[in-house]
Amino acid sequence: MSYSYPMSDPHPRDDRDAVQDLVRDLAEIAAHIGQLKGDANAYLTDPNYSPLRLRLENAHAAVEAAMVEARRRVRLKEGR
């Protein structure tokens, strides 16, 4: 007797796959925030917008730091 599993992946995903997906998502978010940062620096030149530009810079740095950490964890899981 054979059992079939409905639409399941023959190779179950492991944590490494999830972290790699996270790295891709973080890279996309970092690119988007970087674009917003560029637009803010180009168009929002009034000193009143300095806090907004600083928040964008901090958000960008935080996302990039999270991406670096996620990549580090992928390498550790791969045994590099």
PDB file of N, CA and C in Angstrom:
ATOM      1  N   MET A   1       0.838  -1.157   0.000  1.00  0.00           N
ATOM      2  CA  MET A   1       0.000   0.000   0.000  1.00  0.00           C
ATOM      3  C   MET A   1       0.895   1.236   0.000  1.00  0.00           C
ATOM      4  N   SER A   2       0.565   2.224  -0.821  1.00  0.00           N
ATOM      5  CA  SER A   2       1.366   3.441  -0.865  1.00  0.00           C
ATOM      6  C   SER A   2       0.558   4.609  -0.327  1.00  0.00           C
ATOM      7  N   TYR A   3       1.243   5.494   0.294  1.00  0.00           N
ATOM      8  CA  TYR A   3       0.612   6.689   0.833  1.00  0.00           C
ATOM      9  C   TYR A   3       1.055   7.869   0.002  1.00  0.00           C
ATOM     10  N   SER A   4       0.162   8.775  -0.238  1.00  0.00           N
ATOM     11  CA  SER A   4       0.544   9.995  -0.948  1.00  0.00           C
ATOM     12  C   SER A   4       0.328  11.182  -0.015  1.00  0.00           C
ATOM     13  N   TYR A   5       1.188  12.127  -0.167  1.00  0.00           N
ATOM     14  CA  TYR A   5       1.103  13.335   0.638  1.00  0.00           C
ATOM     15  C   TYR A   5       0.688  14.476  -0.274  1.00  0.00           C
ATOM     16  N   PRO A   6      -0.391  15.118   0.040  1.00  0.00           N
ATOM     17  CA  PRO A   6      -0.930  16.141  -0.872  1.00  0.00           C
ATOM     18  C   PRO A   6      -0.007  17.353  -0.986  1.00  0.00           C
ATOM     19  N   MET A   7       0.451  17.568  -2.175  1.00  0.00           N
ATOM     20  CA  MET A   7       1.197  18.782  -2.519  1.00  0.00           C
ATOM     21  C   MET A   7       2.333  19.094  -1.548  1.00  0.00           C
ATOM     22  N   SER A   8       2.913  18.101  -0.948  1.00  0.00           N
ATOM     23  CA  SER A   8       4.000  18.395  -0.016  1.00  0.00           C
ATOM     24  C   SER A   8       5.331  18.347  -0.753  1.00  0.00           C
ATOM     25  N   ASP A   9       6.273  19.077  -0.223  1.00  0.00           N
ATOM     26  CA  ASP A   9       7.617  19.102  -0.771  1.00  0.00           C
ATOM     27  C   ASP A   9       8.302  17.782  -0.436  1.00  0.00           C
ATOM     28  N   PRO A  10       8.900  17.107  -1.417  1.00  0.00           N
ATOM     29  CA  PRO A  10       9.545  15.832  -1.108  1.00  0.00           C
ATOM     30  C   PRO A  10      10.745  15.996  -0.169  1.00  0.00           C
ATOM     31  N   HIS A  11      11.283  17.171  -0.132  1.00  0.00           N
ATOM     32  CA  HIS A  11      12.405  17.461   0.762  1.00  0.00           C
ATOM     33  C   HIS A  11      11.948  18.536   1.743  1.00  0.00           C
ATOM     34  N   PRO A  12      11.709  18.163   2.981  1.00  0.00           N
ATOM     35  CA  PRO A  12      11.236  19.171   3.933  1.00  0.00           C
ATOM     36  C   PRO A  12      12.249  20.304   4.093  1.00  0.00           C
ATOM     37  N   ARG A  13      11.733  21.482   4.265  1.00  0.00           N
ATOM     38  CA  ARG A  13      12.595  22.657   4.433  1.00  0.00           C
ATOM     39  C   ARG A  13      13.256  22.606   5.802  1.00  0.00           C
ATOM     40  N   ASP A  14      14.483  23.010   5.839  1.00  0.00           N
ATOM     41  CA  ASP A  14      15.155  23.089   7.127  1.00  0.00           C
ATOM     42  C   ASP A  14      15.345  24.552   7.510  1.00  0.00           C
ATOM     43  N   ASP A  15      15.949  24.776   8.633  1.00  0.00           N
ATOM     44  CA  ASP A  15      16.146  26.144   9.116  1.00  0.00           C
ATOM     45  C   ASP A  15      16.983  26.970   8.154  1.00  0.00           C
ATOM     46  N   ARG A  16      17.932  26.323   7.476  1.00  0.00           N
ATOM     47  CA  ARG A  16      18.807  27.052   6.559  1.00  0.00           C
ATOM     48  C   ARG A  16      17.992  27.685   5.435  1.00  0.00           C
ATOM     49  N   ASP A  17      17.003  26.951   4.920  1.00  0.00           N
ATOM     50  CA  ASP A  17      16.154  27.508   3.867  1.00  0.00           C
ATOM     51  C   ASP A  17      15.387  28.724   4.370  1.00  0.00           C
ATOM     52  N   ALA A  18      14.871  28.625   5.587  1.00  0.00           N
ATOM     53  CA  ALA A  18      14.114  29.742   6.150  1.00  0.00           C
ATOM     54  C   ALA A  18      15.015  30.953   6.345  1.00  0.00           C
ATOM     55  N   VAL A  19      16.228  30.733   6.800  1.00  0.00           N
ATOM     56  CA  VAL A  19      17.151  31.854   7.016  1.00  0.00           C
ATOM     57  C   VAL A  19      17.561  32.456   5.677  1.00  0.00           C
ATOM     58  N   GLN A  20      17.750  31.625   4.660  1.00  0.00           N
ATOM     59  CA  GLN A  20      18.094  32.155   3.336  1.00  0.00           C
ATOM     60  C   GLN A  20      16.942  32.989   2.780  1.00  0.00           C
ATOM     61  N   ASP A  21      15.713  32.554   3.020  1.00  0.00           N
ATOM     62  CA  ASP A  21      14.557  33.361   2.617  1.00  0.00           C
ATOM     63  C   ASP A  21      14.552  34.687   3.361  1.00  0.00           C
ATOM     64  N   LEU A  22      14.882  34.635   4.635  1.00  0.00           N
ATOM     65  CA  LEU A  22      14.949  35.854   5.442  1.00  0.00           C
ATOM     66  C   LEU A  22      16.015  36.799   4.908  1.00  0.00           C
ATOM     67  N   VAL A  23      17.173  36.264   4.540  1.00  0.00           N
ATOM     68  CA  VAL A  23      18.246  37.099   3.991  1.00  0.00           C
ATOM     69  C   VAL A  23      17.774  37.782   2.710  1.00  0.00           C
ATOM     70  N   ARG A  24      17.096  37.038   1.847  1.00  0.00           N
ATOM     71  CA  ARG A  24      16.573  37.640   0.607  1.00  0.00           C
ATOM     72  C   ARG A  24      15.571  38.745   0.920  1.00  0.00           C
ATOM     73  N   ASP A  25      14.675  38.493   1.881  1.00  0.00           N
ATOM     74  CA  ASP A  25      13.688  39.507   2.257  1.00  0.00           C
ATOM     75  C   ASP A  25      14.366  40.744   2.835  1.00  0.00           C
ATOM     76  N   LEU A  26      15.357  40.537   3.681  1.00  0.00           N
ATOM     77  CA  LEU A  26      16.078  41.667   4.269  1.00  0.00           C
ATOM     78  C   LEU A  26      16.827  42.463   3.216  1.00  0.00           C
ATOM     79  N   ALA A  27      17.387  41.776   2.230  1.00  0.00           N
ATOM     80  CA  ALA A  27      18.090  42.480   1.152  1.00  0.00           C
ATOM     81  C   ALA A  27      17.114  43.355   0.371  1.00  0.00           C
ATOM     82  N   GLU A  28      15.909  42.841   0.145  1.00  0.00           N
ATOM     83  CA  GLU A  28      14.897  43.629  -0.561  1.00  0.00           C
ATOM     84  C   GLU A  28      14.476  44.843   0.268  1.00  0.00           C
ATOM     85  N   ILE A  29      14.300  44.644   1.565  1.00  0.00           N
ATOM     86  CA  ILE A  29      13.932  45.754   2.445  1.00  0.00           C
ATOM     87  C   ILE A  29      15.054  46.790   2.495  1.00  0.00           C
ATOM     88  N   ALA A  30      16.301  46.326   2.591  1.00  0.00           N
ATOM     89  CA  ALA A  30      17.445  47.250   2.633  1.00  0.00           C
ATOM     90  C   ALA A  30      17.521  48.068   1.351  1.00  0.00           C
ATOM     91  N   ALA A  31      17.268  47.432   0.213  1.00  0.00           N
ATOM     92  CA  ALA A  31      17.293  48.160  -1.058  1.00  0.00           C
ATOM     93  C   ALA A  31      16.198  49.218  -1.093  1.00  0.00           C
ATOM     94  N   HIS A  32      15.028  48.866  -0.600  1.00  0.00           N
ATOM     95  CA  HIS A  32      13.918  49.824  -0.598  1.00  0.00           C
ATOM     96  C   HIS A  32      14.215  50.998   0.334  1.00  0.00           C
ATOM     97  N   ILE A  33      14.718  50.717   1.520  1.00  0.00           N
ATOM     98  CA  ILE A  33      15.051  51.798   2.450  1.00  0.00           C
ATOM     99  C   ILE A  33      16.176  52.652   1.880  1.00  0.00           C
ATOM    100  N   GLY A  34      17.150  52.027   1.211  1.00  0.00           N
ATOM    101  CA  GLY A  34      18.224  52.779   0.576  1.00  0.00           C
ATOM    102  C   GLY A  34      17.689  53.734  -0.480  1.00  0.00           C
ATOM    103  N   GLN A  35      16.698  53.269  -1.245  1.00  0.00           N
ATOM    104  CA  GLN A  35      16.083  54.137  -2.248  1.00  0.00           C
ATOM    105  C   GLN A  35      15.354  55.301  -1.570  1.00  0.00           C
ATOM    106  N   LEU A  36      14.625  55.003  -0.508  1.00  0.00           N
ATOM    107  CA  LEU A  36      13.939  56.074   0.225  1.00  0.00           C
ATOM    108  C   LEU A  36      14.936  57.072   0.805  1.00  0.00           C
ATOM    109  N   LYS A  37      16.055  56.560   1.305  1.00  0.00           N
ATOM    110  CA  LYS A  37      17.102  57.434   1.842  1.00  0.00           C
ATOM    111  C   LYS A  37      17.631  58.364   0.760  1.00  0.00           C
ATOM    112  N   GLY A  38      17.877  57.812  -0.424  1.00  0.00           N
ATOM    113  CA  GLY A  38      18.363  58.630  -1.533  1.00  0.00           C
ATOM    114  C   GLY A  38      17.365  59.708  -1.919  1.00  0.00           C
ATOM    115  N   ASP A  39      16.088  59.328  -1.986  1.00  0.00           N
ATOM    116  CA  ASP A  39      15.052  60.307  -2.305  1.00  0.00           C
ATOM    117  C   ASP A  39      14.968  61.392  -1.231  1.00  0.00           C
ATOM    118  N   ALA A  40      15.047  60.977   0.036  1.00  0.00           N
ATOM    119  CA  ALA A  40      14.967  61.951   1.126  1.00  0.00           C
ATOM    120  C   ALA A  40      16.138  62.920   1.064  1.00  0.00           C
ATOM    121  N   ASN A  41      17.331  62.413   0.810  1.00  0.00           N
ATOM    122  CA  ASN A  41      18.502  63.293   0.736  1.00  0.00           C
ATOM    123  C   ASN A  41      18.433  64.224  -0.463  1.00  0.00           C
ATOM    124  N   ALA A  42      17.817  63.770  -1.552  1.00  0.00           N
ATOM    125  CA  ALA A  42      17.737  64.595  -2.764  1.00  0.00           C
ATOM    126  C   ALA A  42      16.658  65.672  -2.665  1.00  0.00           C
ATOM    127  N   TYR A  43      15.522  65.327  -2.072  1.00  0.00           N
ATOM    128  CA  TYR A  43      14.383  66.238  -2.119  1.00  0.00           C
ATOM    129  C   TYR A  43      14.082  66.947  -0.804  1.00  0.00           C
ATOM    130  N   LEU A  44      14.467  66.370   0.301  1.00  0.00           N
ATOM    131  CA  LEU A  44      14.146  66.971   1.596  1.00  0.00           C
ATOM    132  C   LEU A  44      15.387  67.649   2.160  1.00  0.00           C
ATOM    133  N   THR A  45      15.681  68.818   1.619  1.00  0.00           N
ATOM    134  CA  THR A  45      16.915  69.512   1.988  1.00  0.00           C
ATOM    135  C   THR A  45      16.744  70.456   3.173  1.00  0.00           C
ATOM    136  N   ASP A  46      15.522  70.766   3.527  1.00  0.00           N
ATOM    137  CA  ASP A  46      15.266  71.658   4.662  1.00  0.00           C
ATOM    138  C   ASP A  46      15.781  71.006   5.946  1.00  0.00           C
ATOM    139  N   PRO A  47      16.428  71.779   6.818  1.00  0.00           N
ATOM    140  CA  PRO A  47      16.950  71.218   8.073  1.00  0.00           C
ATOM    141  C   PRO A  47      15.878  70.574   8.951  1.00  0.00           C
ATOM    142  N   ASN A  48      14.617  70.961   8.766  1.00  0.00           N
ATOM    143  CA  ASN A  48      13.539  70.360   9.552  1.00  0.00           C
ATOM    144  C   ASN A  48      13.380  68.871   9.261  1.00  0.00           C
ATOM    145  N   TYR A  49      13.895  68.411   8.134  1.00  0.00           N
ATOM    146  CA  TYR A  49      13.773  67.006   7.759  1.00  0.00           C
ATOM    147  C   TYR A  49      14.958  66.163   8.236  1.00  0.00           C
ATOM    148  N   SER A  50      15.884  66.761   8.948  1.00  0.00           N
ATOM    149  CA  SER A  50      17.039  66.014   9.447  1.00  0.00           C
ATOM    150  C   SER A  50      16.650  64.807  10.301  1.00  0.00           C
ATOM    151  N   PRO A  51      15.663  64.936  11.195  1.00  0.00           N
ATOM    152  CA  PRO A  51      15.276  63.747  11.976  1.00  0.00           C
ATOM    153  C   PRO A  51      14.767  62.602  11.096  1.00  0.00           C
ATOM    154  N   LEU A  52      14.029  62.925  10.046  1.00  0.00           N
ATOM    155  CA  LEU A  52      13.542  61.878   9.137  1.00  0.00           C
ATOM    156  C   LEU A  52      14.701  61.200   8.422  1.00  0.00           C
ATOM    157  N   ARG A  53      15.648  62.004   7.944  1.00  0.00           N
ATOM    158  CA  ARG A  53      16.809  61.420   7.263  1.00  0.00           C
ATOM    159  C   ARG A  53      17.614  60.550   8.226  1.00  0.00           C
ATOM    160  N   LEU A  54      17.741  60.977   9.481  1.00  0.00           N
ATOM    161  CA  LEU A  54      18.455  60.189  10.485  1.00  0.00           C
ATOM    162  C   LEU A  54      17.725  58.878  10.775  1.00  0.00           C
ATOM    163  N   ARG A  55      16.401  58.916  10.851  1.00  0.00           N
ATOM    164  CA  ARG A  55      15.621  57.692  11.081  1.00  0.00           C
ATOM    165  C   ARG A  55      15.785  56.714   9.918  1.00  0.00           C
ATOM    166  N   LEU A  56      15.784  57.232   8.703  1.00  0.00           N
ATOM    167  CA  LEU A  56      15.994  56.362   7.543  1.00  0.00           C
ATOM    168  C   LEU A  56      17.386  55.746   7.574  1.00  0.00           C
ATOM    169  N   GLU A  57      18.376  56.525   7.951  1.00  0.00           N
ATOM    170  CA  GLU A  57      19.746  56.018   8.055  1.00  0.00           C
ATOM    171  C   GLU A  57      19.833  54.921   9.121  1.00  0.00           C
ATOM    172  N   ASN A  58      19.198  55.151  10.261  1.00  0.00           N
ATOM    173  CA  ASN A  58      19.217  54.152  11.332  1.00  0.00           C
ATOM    174  C   ASN A  58      18.472  52.881  10.929  1.00  0.00           C
ATOM    175  N   ALA A  59      17.337  53.039  10.255  1.00  0.00           N
ATOM    176  CA  ALA A  59      16.580  51.866   9.798  1.00  0.00           C
ATOM    177  C   ALA A  59      17.394  51.066   8.798  1.00  0.00           C
ATOM    178  N   HIS A  60      18.058  51.752   7.888  1.00  0.00           N
ATOM    179  CA  HIS A  60      18.879  51.087   6.883  1.00  0.00           C
ATOM    180  C   HIS A  60      20.022  50.326   7.543  1.00  0.00           C
ATOM    181  N   ALA A  61      20.667  50.953   8.500  1.00  0.00           N
ATOM    182  CA  ALA A  61      21.776  50.298   9.206  1.00  0.00           C
ATOM    183  C   ALA A  61      21.289  49.075   9.989  1.00  0.00           C
ATOM    184  N   ALA A  62      20.111  49.179  10.593  1.00  0.00           N
ATOM    185  CA  ALA A  62      19.572  48.050  11.365  1.00  0.00           C
ATOM    186  C   ALA A  62      19.237  46.871  10.463  1.00  0.00           C
ATOM    187  N   VAL A  63      18.645  47.144   9.311  1.00  0.00           N
ATOM    188  CA  VAL A  63      18.302  46.063   8.381  1.00  0.00           C
ATOM    189  C   VAL A  63      19.570  45.421   7.840  1.00  0.00           C
ATOM    190  N   GLU A  64      20.568  46.230   7.509  1.00  0.00           N
ATOM    191  CA  GLU A  64      21.820  45.662   7.005  1.00  0.00           C
ATOM    192  C   GLU A  64      22.510  44.832   8.081  1.00  0.00           C
ATOM    193  N   ALA A  65      22.459  45.263   9.334  1.00  0.00           N
ATOM    194  CA  ALA A  65      23.055  44.479  10.419  1.00  0.00           C
ATOM    195  C   ALA A  65      22.324  43.143  10.593  1.00  0.00           C
ATOM    196  N   ALA A  66      21.004  43.173  10.496  1.00  0.00           N
ATOM    197  CA  ALA A  66      20.232  41.925  10.592  1.00  0.00           C
ATOM    198  C   ALA A  66      20.559  40.994   9.433  1.00  0.00           C
ATOM    199  N   MET A  67      20.768  41.551   8.256  1.00  0.00           N
ATOM    200  CA  MET A  67      21.110  40.742   7.084  1.00  0.00           C
ATOM    201  C   MET A  67      22.483  40.096   7.262  1.00  0.00           C
ATOM    202  N   VAL A  68      23.442  40.843   7.773  1.00  0.00           N
ATOM    203  CA  VAL A  68      24.777  40.299   8.019  1.00  0.00           C
ATOM    204  C   VAL A  68      24.702  39.157   9.030  1.00  0.00           C
ATOM    205  N   GLU A  69      23.926  39.350  10.083  1.00  0.00           N
ATOM    206  CA  GLU A  69      23.776  38.304  11.107  1.00  0.00           C
ATOM    207  C   GLU A  69      23.107  37.063  10.531  1.00  0.00           C
ATOM    208  N   ALA A  70      22.088  37.253   9.703  1.00  0.00           N
ATOM    209  CA  ALA A  70      21.412  36.104   9.096  1.00  0.00           C
ATOM    210  C   ALA A  70      22.360  35.347   8.173  1.00  0.00           C
ATOM    211  N   ARG A  71      23.147  36.075   7.391  1.00  0.00           N
ATOM    212  CA  ARG A  71      24.125  35.412   6.517  1.00  0.00           C
ATOM    213  C   ARG A  71      25.165  34.648   7.339  1.00  0.00           C
ATOM    214  N   ARG A  72      25.574  35.231   8.464  1.00  0.00           N
ATOM    215  CA  ARG A  72      26.535  34.560   9.339  1.00  0.00           C
ATOM    216  C   ARG A  72      25.957  33.247   9.850  1.00  0.00           C
ATOM    217  N   ARG A  73      24.695  33.279  10.207  1.00  0.00           N
ATOM    218  CA  ARG A  73      24.059  32.060  10.714  1.00  0.00           C
ATOM    219  C   ARG A  73      23.942  30.997   9.634  1.00  0.00           C
ATOM    220  N   VAL A  74      23.683  31.420   8.400  1.00  0.00           N
ATOM    221  CA  VAL A  74      23.633  30.455   7.288  1.00  0.00           C
ATOM    222  C   VAL A  74      24.988  29.802   7.126  1.00  0.00           C
ATOM    223  N   ARG A  75      26.053  30.600   7.155  1.00  0.00           N
ATOM    224  CA  ARG A  75      27.409  30.034   7.009  1.00  0.00           C
ATOM    225  C   ARG A  75      27.743  29.084   8.143  1.00  0.00           C
ATOM    226  N   LEU A  76      27.326  29.438   9.359  1.00  0.00           N
ATOM    227  CA  LEU A  76      27.593  28.552  10.498  1.00  0.00           C
ATOM    228  C   LEU A  76      26.866  27.219  10.347  1.00  0.00           C
ATOM    229  N   LYS A  77      25.625  27.270   9.856  1.00  0.00           N
ATOM    230  CA  LYS A  77      24.858  26.033   9.669  1.00  0.00           C
ATOM    231  C   LYS A  77      25.450  25.172   8.563  1.00  0.00           C
ATOM    232  N   GLU A  78      26.055  25.833   7.572  1.00  0.00           N
ATOM    233  CA  GLU A  78      26.674  25.082   6.470  1.00  0.00           C
ATOM    234  C   GLU A  78      28.029  24.528   6.875  1.00  0.00           C
ATOM    235  N   GLY A  79      28.545  24.955   8.005  1.00  0.00           N
ATOM    236  CA  GLY A  79      29.812  24.453   8.501  1.00  0.00           C
ATOM    237  C   GLY A  79      31.036  25.123   7.909  1.00  0.00           C
ATOM    238  N   ARG A  80      30.875  26.352   7.458  1.00  0.00           N
ATOM    239  CA  ARG A  80      32.001  27.103   6.892  1.00  0.00           C
ATOM    240  C   ARG A  80      32.833  27.699   7.981  1.00  0.00           C
TER     241      ARG A  80
END
